[in-house]
Amino acid sequence: MVKLTKIYTRGGDKGQTSLTDGSRQPKYAARIEAYGTIDEANAAYGIARLHTKGIYDDMLSRIQNDLFDAGADVSTPPKSVKSEYELRIIDSQVTRLEQEIDQMNADLSPLESFILPGGSEASAALHLCRTIVRRAERLLVQTAETEDINPVVIRYLNRLSDHAFVMSRALNGNGAGDVLWVPGANR
């Protein structure tokens, strides 16, 4: 377990931050942007949980914990020295998301149009989660072009955005409350 005795370290005052292996990178580095956006997604999931009022709370709680694991994974370069704190996202976490997507999707009405974020507060909050996760995924894919990144994290984020989309529909009355896009409606 991580033990934090002091919250501020002053280590980042000059624009750099430490990775888990102790190496330093500028705060604007691609890897830092990627795991910072994963952290942002986690915060958005915390807000979404307030709006779901306990529905799917077990799933959402696991996702928040997984997102912390994903941030730890990305902040630990794969070739760094192994430590007791090293976490990696693994295939079973992706598989669990796929199973949950299939379970939630089974009762949804078929899509006949793209969906506008909204309907219910819970659904809108999950659409925000989805878009932040997509941004984290894009940043991580970009980072992977020049740095070693665990490819399972990318798959996890890809599935997670689908998971948020399907959950948003489930929380919109299994799709009945979805707000559909009407192409050219305001011409």
Protein backbone atom coordinates (compact mmCIF):
# COMPACT_ATOMS: atom_id res chain seq x y z
CA MET A 1 0.00 0.00 0.00
CA VAL A 2 1.20 3.50 -0.77
CA LYS A 3 1.80 5.70 2.27
CA LEU A 4 1.74 9.46 1.77
CA THR A 5 3.08 11.38 4.71
CA LYS A 6 3.65 14.69 2.96
CA ILE A 7 1.46 15.99 0.14
CA TYR A 8 3.77 18.63 -1.28
CA THR A 9 7.38 17.88 -2.18
CA ARG A 10 8.38 21.01 -4.13
CA GLY A 11 9.89 18.60 -6.68
CA GLY A 12 7.68 19.90 -9.47
CA ASP A 13 8.24 23.59 -8.88
CA LYS A 14 10.62 23.83 -11.84
CA GLY A 15 8.28 22.17 -14.33
CA GLN A 16 9.31 18.54 -14.01
CA THR A 17 7.73 15.55 -12.33
CA SER A 18 8.93 12.11 -11.32
CA LEU A 19 7.84 8.86 -12.88
CA THR A 20 7.44 5.81 -10.66
CA ASP A 21 10.99 4.68 -11.46
CA GLY A 22 12.40 8.00 -10.20
CA SER A 23 13.25 9.43 -13.62
CA ARG A 24 12.19 13.02 -14.27
CA GLN A 25 10.20 14.37 -17.21
CA PRO A 26 8.78 17.76 -18.10
CA LYS A 27 5.19 18.14 -16.95
CA TYR A 28 4.13 18.60 -20.59
CA ALA A 29 5.71 15.30 -21.76
CA ALA A 30 3.42 12.95 -23.66
CA ARG A 31 3.51 10.26 -20.97
CA ILE A 32 2.59 12.82 -18.29
CA GLU A 33 -0.24 14.21 -20.45
CA ALA A 34 -1.58 10.68 -20.95
CA TYR A 35 -1.65 9.65 -17.31
CA GLY A 36 -2.87 13.10 -16.30
CA THR A 37 -5.83 12.64 -18.62
CA ILE A 38 -6.46 9.18 -17.15
CA ASP A 39 -6.60 10.92 -13.75
CA GLU A 40 -9.05 13.46 -15.20
CA ALA A 41 -11.24 10.60 -16.44
CA ASN A 42 -11.19 9.09 -12.96
CA ALA A 43 -12.42 12.39 -11.49
CA ALA A 44 -15.21 12.49 -14.08
CA TYR A 45 -16.22 8.95 -13.06
CA GLY A 46 -16.43 10.19 -9.47
CA ILE A 47 -18.92 12.82 -10.59
CA ALA A 48 -20.83 10.28 -12.67
CA ARG A 49 -21.19 8.08 -9.59
CA LEU A 50 -22.96 10.94 -7.81
CA HIS A 51 -25.53 11.05 -10.61
CA THR A 52 -26.08 7.29 -10.90
CA LYS A 53 -27.30 7.16 -7.28
CA GLY A 54 -25.84 3.72 -6.66
CA ILE A 55 -26.91 2.10 -9.93
CA TYR A 56 -23.94 0.20 -11.38
CA ASP A 57 -21.89 1.38 -8.40
CA ASP A 58 -19.87 -1.86 -8.21
CA MET A 59 -18.84 -1.45 -11.86
CA LEU A 60 -18.04 2.23 -11.45
CA SER A 61 -16.02 1.62 -8.30
CA ARG A 62 -13.95 -1.05 -10.10
CA ILE A 63 -13.44 1.31 -13.03
CA GLN A 64 -12.16 4.07 -10.77
CA ASN A 65 -9.71 1.68 -9.16
CA ASP A 66 -8.67 0.37 -12.60
CA LEU A 67 -8.07 3.94 -13.77
CA PHE A 68 -5.73 4.50 -10.83
CA ASP A 69 -3.96 1.26 -11.82
CA ALA A 70 -3.80 2.51 -15.43
CA GLY A 71 -2.20 5.77 -14.30
CA ALA A 72 0.34 3.81 -12.27
CA ASP A 73 1.00 1.59 -15.28
CA VAL A 74 1.61 4.55 -17.60
CA SER A 75 3.77 6.35 -15.02
CA THR A 76 6.04 3.30 -14.76
CA PRO A 77 8.15 2.83 -17.91
CA PRO A 78 8.11 -0.89 -18.82
CA LYS A 79 11.90 -1.18 -18.77
CA SER A 80 12.22 0.30 -15.30
CA VAL A 81 13.41 -1.68 -12.31
CA LYS A 82 10.68 -3.97 -11.01
CA SER A 83 9.25 -2.92 -7.67
CA GLU A 84 6.47 -3.88 -5.32
CA TYR A 85 4.56 -0.82 -6.53
CA GLU A 86 4.58 -1.74 -10.22
CA LEU A 87 1.08 -2.22 -11.54
CA ARG A 88 0.10 -3.26 -15.02
CA ILE A 89 -3.33 -3.37 -16.61
CA ILE A 90 -3.93 -6.98 -17.69
CA ASP A 91 -6.12 -8.72 -20.26
CA SER A 92 -8.67 -9.90 -17.68
CA GLN A 93 -9.55 -6.27 -16.93
CA VAL A 94 -10.33 -5.72 -20.62
CA THR A 95 -12.33 -8.95 -20.74
CA ARG A 96 -14.36 -7.89 -17.70
CA LEU A 97 -15.31 -4.65 -19.46
CA GLU A 98 -16.34 -6.58 -22.56
CA GLN A 99 -18.55 -8.88 -20.49
CA GLU A 100 -20.18 -5.94 -18.74
CA ILE A 101 -20.75 -4.19 -22.07
CA ASP A 102 -22.44 -7.28 -23.47
CA GLN A 103 -24.58 -7.64 -20.33
CA MET A 104 -25.75 -3.99 -20.40
CA ASN A 105 -26.18 -3.95 -24.18
CA ALA A 106 -28.47 -7.00 -24.20
CA ASP A 107 -31.50 -4.94 -23.08
CA LEU A 108 -30.84 -1.80 -25.13
CA SER A 109 -33.00 -0.74 -28.03
CA PRO A 110 -31.13 -0.82 -31.35
CA LEU A 111 -29.40 2.38 -32.45
CA GLU A 112 -31.01 4.17 -35.37
CA SER A 113 -28.96 7.36 -35.17
CA PHE A 114 -25.97 8.83 -33.41
CA ILE A 115 -26.72 9.94 -29.87
CA LEU A 116 -26.26 13.41 -28.45
CA PRO A 117 -24.86 13.45 -24.91
CA GLY A 118 -27.73 13.94 -22.51
CA GLY A 119 -31.08 12.51 -21.61
CA SER A 120 -30.46 12.10 -17.90
CA GLU A 121 -27.83 13.63 -15.63
CA ALA A 122 -26.22 10.22 -15.20
CA SER A 123 -26.11 9.64 -18.94
CA ALA A 124 -24.63 13.08 -19.63
CA ALA A 125 -21.97 12.51 -16.96
CA LEU A 126 -21.02 9.17 -18.53
CA HIS A 127 -20.75 10.78 -21.96
CA LEU A 128 -18.26 13.21 -20.42
CA CYS A 129 -16.35 10.22 -19.00
CA ARG A 130 -16.40 8.63 -22.45
CA THR A 131 -14.92 11.67 -24.18
CA ILE A 132 -12.18 12.13 -21.58
CA VAL A 133 -11.27 8.43 -21.83
CA ARG A 134 -11.11 8.77 -25.63
CA ARG A 135 -8.71 11.70 -25.23
CA ALA A 136 -6.56 9.67 -22.84
CA GLU A 137 -6.53 6.85 -25.38
CA ARG A 138 -5.46 9.20 -28.20
CA LEU A 139 -2.67 10.64 -26.04
CA LEU A 140 -1.49 7.17 -25.07
CA VAL A 141 -1.47 5.97 -28.69
CA GLN A 142 0.59 9.03 -29.59
CA THR A 143 2.97 8.35 -26.69
CA ALA A 144 3.34 4.72 -27.79
CA GLU A 145 4.81 5.90 -31.10
CA THR A 146 7.98 7.01 -29.32
CA GLU A 147 7.94 5.30 -25.90
CA ASP A 148 7.24 1.83 -24.53
CA ILE A 149 3.65 1.66 -23.35
CA ASN A 150 1.78 -1.41 -22.13
CA PRO A 151 -0.55 -2.11 -25.10
CA VAL A 152 -3.19 -3.56 -22.78
CA VAL A 153 -3.75 -0.08 -21.30
CA ILE A 154 -4.68 1.20 -24.76
CA ARG A 155 -7.14 -1.69 -25.24
CA TYR A 156 -8.54 -1.08 -21.77
CA LEU A 157 -9.19 2.60 -22.51
CA ASN A 158 -10.74 1.73 -25.87
CA ARG A 159 -13.16 -0.69 -24.22
CA LEU A 160 -13.81 1.69 -21.34
CA SER A 161 -15.11 4.40 -23.66
CA ASP A 162 -17.49 1.82 -25.20
CA HIS A 163 -18.49 0.78 -21.67
CA ALA A 164 -19.34 4.39 -20.76
CA PHE A 165 -21.40 4.75 -23.95
CA VAL A 166 -23.41 1.59 -23.30
CA MET A 167 -23.89 2.42 -19.62
CA SER A 168 -25.10 5.92 -20.56
CA ARG A 169 -27.76 4.33 -22.78
CA ALA A 170 -28.73 1.83 -20.08
CA LEU A 171 -29.20 4.71 -17.64
CA ASN A 172 -31.36 6.47 -20.22
CA GLY A 173 -34.14 3.93 -19.85
CA ASN A 174 -32.28 1.30 -21.89
CA GLY A 175 -32.09 3.75 -24.78
CA ALA A 176 -35.66 5.06 -24.60
CA GLY A 177 -34.43 8.41 -23.23
CA ASP A 178 -31.54 8.80 -25.66
CA VAL A 179 -31.35 12.14 -27.43
CA LEU A 180 -30.89 11.33 -31.10
CA TRP A 181 -28.92 13.39 -33.58
CA VAL A 182 -31.05 14.71 -36.40
CA PRO A 183 -28.67 15.51 -39.28
CA GLY A 184 -29.25 19.01 -40.67
CA ALA A 185 -32.13 19.69 -38.25
CA ASN A 186 -31.27 23.37 -37.90
CA ARG A 187 -30.59 24.34 -41.50
